[in-house]
């Protein structure tokens, strides 16, 4: 199955799973190194910066509901149709008229959206800091789920990824990178570096 970055659905509470499953995306803080590019984006009262690895560009932007916005950065398609993904999700609980939510609940729902679309799931959770606030990091591996609606796609692939979720000034953020093996050996460290460069401000 080609690694077209897909907006995985979430459980109830924060986001609507059915709505998200219907949306398919095309898809070290410091100065950017050669080939890297610092980007700035806005989502309502939120603005954020991210330093992208060489070859990653904004592939899709979606707003499933008020206060919930997603940005998908991806590589160009490879010869087998796969592509790398770095995704930023912004959840403004005030605009969503939801919450307040605890970090653990937000992190569980965000990573749960990925888990439901993977086989042979394995994950390790640790506590980290992102954008100067406490965050939950999940390192995961699993197989891409077969898609009966796309029989022409390649067979399911082994995948790895990292998700970092935090809450800052009443706004949740989820940072995610994923790719297929064995490309993950080089792609995941690059994606992780991009996630760690994330900085967010709330007006």
Protein backbone atom coordinates (compact mmCIF):
# COMPACT_ATOMS: atom_id res chain seq x y z
CA UNK A 1 0.00 0.00 0.00
CA UNK A 2 1.48 3.36 -0.92
CA UNK A 3 2.19 5.48 2.10
CA UNK A 4 -0.22 8.24 1.23
CA UNK A 5 -0.41 10.17 4.50
CA UNK A 6 -3.90 9.55 5.81
CA UNK A 7 -5.73 11.52 8.42
CA UNK A 8 -6.50 8.74 10.85
CA UNK A 9 -9.78 8.90 12.78
CA UNK A 10 -9.97 9.58 16.48
CA UNK A 11 -12.22 8.26 19.17
CA UNK A 12 -15.10 10.29 20.54
CA UNK A 13 -14.62 13.38 22.62
CA UNK A 14 -12.06 15.51 20.87
CA UNK A 15 -12.68 14.71 17.22
CA UNK A 16 -15.17 12.78 15.13
CA UNK A 17 -13.73 9.50 13.84
CA UNK A 18 -16.09 9.17 10.90
CA UNK A 19 -15.34 12.70 9.76
CA UNK A 20 -11.60 12.22 9.93
CA UNK A 21 -11.61 8.90 8.14
CA UNK A 22 -13.31 10.63 5.24
CA UNK A 23 -10.42 13.06 4.87
CA UNK A 24 -7.39 11.73 2.99
CA UNK A 25 -4.28 13.88 3.01
CA UNK A 26 -2.03 14.10 -0.07
CA UNK A 27 0.35 13.79 1.51
CA UNK A 28 16.86 20.55 17.74
CA UNK A 29 15.72 23.83 17.86
CA UNK A 30 18.14 26.28 16.21
CA UNK A 31 18.94 27.61 12.75
CA UNK A 32 18.10 25.35 9.83
CA UNK A 33 21.00 23.38 8.38
CA UNK A 34 21.76 23.17 4.68
CA UNK A 35 18.75 21.71 2.89
CA UNK A 36 16.42 22.36 5.84
CA UNK A 37 13.68 24.99 5.72
CA UNK A 38 11.95 26.86 8.52
CA UNK A 39 8.22 27.30 7.92
CA UNK A 40 5.56 29.30 9.75
CA UNK A 41 1.84 28.55 9.72
CA UNK A 42 -1.26 29.89 11.45
CA UNK A 43 -4.33 28.09 12.76
CA UNK A 44 -6.80 30.57 14.23
CA UNK A 45 -5.17 32.22 17.26
CA UNK A 46 -2.24 29.82 17.03
CA UNK A 47 0.97 30.26 15.06
CA UNK A 48 3.79 27.73 14.91
CA UNK A 49 7.18 27.24 13.34
CA UNK A 50 8.81 24.02 12.20
CA UNK A 51 12.16 23.25 10.60
CA UNK A 52 11.51 20.74 7.82
CA UNK A 53 14.11 18.31 6.43
CA UNK A 54 15.17 18.68 2.84
CA UNK A 55 12.51 17.33 0.48
CA UNK A 56 9.47 17.88 2.73
CA UNK A 57 6.86 20.45 1.67
CA UNK A 58 3.30 21.29 2.69
CA UNK A 59 1.17 18.69 0.92
CA UNK A 60 -2.20 19.22 2.58
CA UNK A 61 -4.02 21.40 5.06
CA UNK A 62 -7.37 20.39 6.54
CA UNK A 63 -9.84 21.89 9.01
CA UNK A 64 -12.28 19.11 9.98
CA UNK A 65 -14.05 21.37 12.46
CA UNK A 66 -13.71 24.74 14.17
CA UNK A 67 -10.55 24.84 16.24
CA UNK A 68 -9.09 21.64 14.78
CA UNK A 69 -6.56 22.10 12.00
CA UNK A 70 -4.01 19.75 10.44
CA UNK A 71 -0.92 20.37 8.34
CA UNK A 72 0.65 17.51 6.39
CA UNK A 73 4.21 17.84 5.10
CA UNK A 74 5.41 15.10 2.78
CA UNK A 75 8.16 14.08 0.40
CA UNK A 76 7.56 13.64 -3.31
CA UNK A 77 6.20 10.16 -4.15
CA UNK A 78 8.90 7.54 -4.54
CA UNK A 79 9.02 5.01 -7.38
CA UNK A 80 6.84 2.64 -5.34
CA UNK A 81 4.29 5.34 -4.55
CA UNK A 82 5.30 5.77 -0.89
CA UNK A 83 6.24 9.06 0.72
CA UNK A 84 7.46 10.27 4.09
CA UNK A 85 5.15 12.21 6.40
CA UNK A 86 5.46 14.90 9.06
CA UNK A 87 2.11 16.07 10.44
CA UNK A 88 1.12 18.84 12.83
CA UNK A 89 -2.33 18.81 14.45
CA UNK A 90 -3.60 21.86 16.36
CA UNK A 91 -6.56 21.50 18.72
CA UNK A 92 -7.88 24.79 20.11
CA UNK A 93 -10.20 23.51 22.82
CA UNK A 94 -11.79 26.92 23.31
CA UNK A 95 -12.75 27.23 19.63
CA UNK A 96 -13.87 23.60 19.60
CA UNK A 97 -16.06 24.26 22.64
CA UNK A 98 -14.54 21.18 24.21
CA UNK A 99 -12.55 20.30 27.27
CA UNK A 100 -10.63 21.19 29.22
CA UNK A 101 -8.73 18.02 28.44
CA UNK A 102 -5.88 16.43 30.33
CA UNK A 103 -2.68 15.68 28.43
CA UNK A 104 -3.04 11.94 28.92
CA UNK A 105 -6.49 11.88 27.30
CA UNK A 106 -5.43 13.96 24.30
CA UNK A 107 -2.32 11.84 23.75
CA UNK A 108 -4.33 8.61 24.04
CA UNK A 109 -6.88 9.72 21.47
CA UNK A 110 -4.29 11.02 19.02
CA UNK A 111 -2.13 7.89 19.03
CA UNK A 112 -5.27 5.74 19.09
CA UNK A 113 -6.15 7.15 15.68
CA UNK A 114 -2.92 5.71 14.30
CA UNK A 115 -3.21 2.40 16.13
CA UNK A 116 -6.63 1.62 14.67
CA UNK A 117 -5.10 1.66 11.19
CA UNK A 118 -2.08 -0.51 11.97
CA UNK A 119 -1.51 -4.24 12.44
CA UNK A 120 1.05 -5.88 14.76
CA UNK A 121 1.07 -2.71 16.86
CA UNK A 122 3.89 -2.03 19.31
CA UNK A 123 4.43 1.24 21.17
CA UNK A 124 6.58 2.76 23.90
CA UNK A 125 5.53 5.88 25.81
CA UNK A 126 7.89 8.38 27.46
CA UNK A 127 7.64 11.89 28.92
CA UNK A 128 9.43 14.70 27.09
CA UNK A 129 9.20 18.46 26.56
CA UNK A 130 7.95 20.12 23.36
CA UNK A 131 7.51 23.84 22.71
CA UNK A 132 8.68 24.37 26.31
CA UNK A 133 5.84 22.35 27.91
CA UNK A 134 5.48 18.75 29.17
CA UNK A 135 4.52 16.31 26.44
CA UNK A 136 3.97 12.60 25.84
CA UNK A 137 6.05 10.85 23.21
CA UNK A 138 5.05 7.53 21.64
CA UNK A 139 7.48 5.53 19.51
CA UNK A 140 5.47 3.00 17.50
CA UNK A 141 5.80 0.30 14.87
CA UNK A 142 3.21 -1.67 12.93
CA UNK A 143 1.96 -2.70 9.53
CA UNK A 144 -0.07 -0.47 7.26
CA UNK A 145 -3.68 -1.68 7.11
CA UNK A 146 -4.89 -3.19 3.81
CA UNK A 147 -7.35 -0.98 1.94
CA UNK A 148 -10.05 -3.01 0.19
CA UNK A 149 -11.18 0.14 -1.62
CA UNK A 150 -7.79 0.38 -3.32
CA UNK A 151 -6.90 -3.09 -4.63
CA UNK A 152 -4.25 -1.64 -6.94
CA UNK A 153 -2.13 -0.48 -4.02
CA UNK A 154 0.94 -2.32 -2.87
CA UNK A 155 0.83 -4.92 -0.12
CA UNK A 156 0.80 -3.62 3.47
CA UNK A 157 4.20 -2.33 4.56
CA UNK A 158 6.07 -2.35 7.85
CA UNK A 159 6.11 1.14 9.31
CA UNK A 160 7.56 3.11 12.21
CA UNK A 161 6.71 6.49 13.62
CA UNK A 162 6.94 8.96 16.47
CA UNK A 163 4.12 11.05 17.92
CA UNK A 164 4.59 13.86 20.45
CA UNK A 165 1.51 15.40 22.08
CA UNK A 166 1.31 18.39 24.41
CA UNK A 167 -0.94 21.20 25.64
CA UNK A 168 0.14 24.84 25.76
CA UNK A 169 -1.99 27.78 26.87
CA UNK A 170 -5.21 25.82 26.43
CA UNK A 171 -4.30 24.51 22.97
CA UNK A 172 -3.37 20.92 22.21
CA UNK A 173 -0.80 19.95 19.62
CA UNK A 174 0.16 16.61 18.17
CA UNK A 175 3.33 16.15 16.14
CA UNK A 176 3.74 13.00 14.10
CA UNK A 177 6.23 11.49 11.66
CA UNK A 178 6.07 8.11 9.96
CA UNK A 179 7.62 6.16 7.09
CA UNK A 180 8.12 2.63 5.83
CA UNK A 181 10.97 0.27 6.62
CA UNK A 182 13.88 0.23 5.85
CA UNK A 183 13.68 3.92 4.86
CA UNK A 184 12.87 4.63 8.53
CA UNK A 185 16.56 4.24 9.40
CA UNK A 186 17.24 7.66 7.88
CA UNK A 187 13.75 9.17 7.62
CA UNK A 188 12.63 8.84 11.26
CA UNK A 189 15.66 10.66 12.75
CA UNK A 190 15.06 13.50 10.27
CA UNK A 191 11.37 13.57 11.15
CA UNK A 192 12.13 13.51 14.88
CA UNK A 193 14.48 16.47 14.50
CA UNK A 194 11.66 18.38 12.79
CA UNK A 195 9.23 17.52 15.61
CA UNK A 196 11.71 18.77 18.21
CA UNK A 197 12.05 22.07 16.34
CA UNK A 198 8.32 22.78 16.79
CA UNK A 199 7.52 26.06 18.55
CA UNK A 200 3.97 27.35 19.11
CA UNK A 201 2.50 30.66 20.25
CA UNK A 202 -1.11 31.33 21.28
CA UNK A 203 -2.50 34.85 21.02
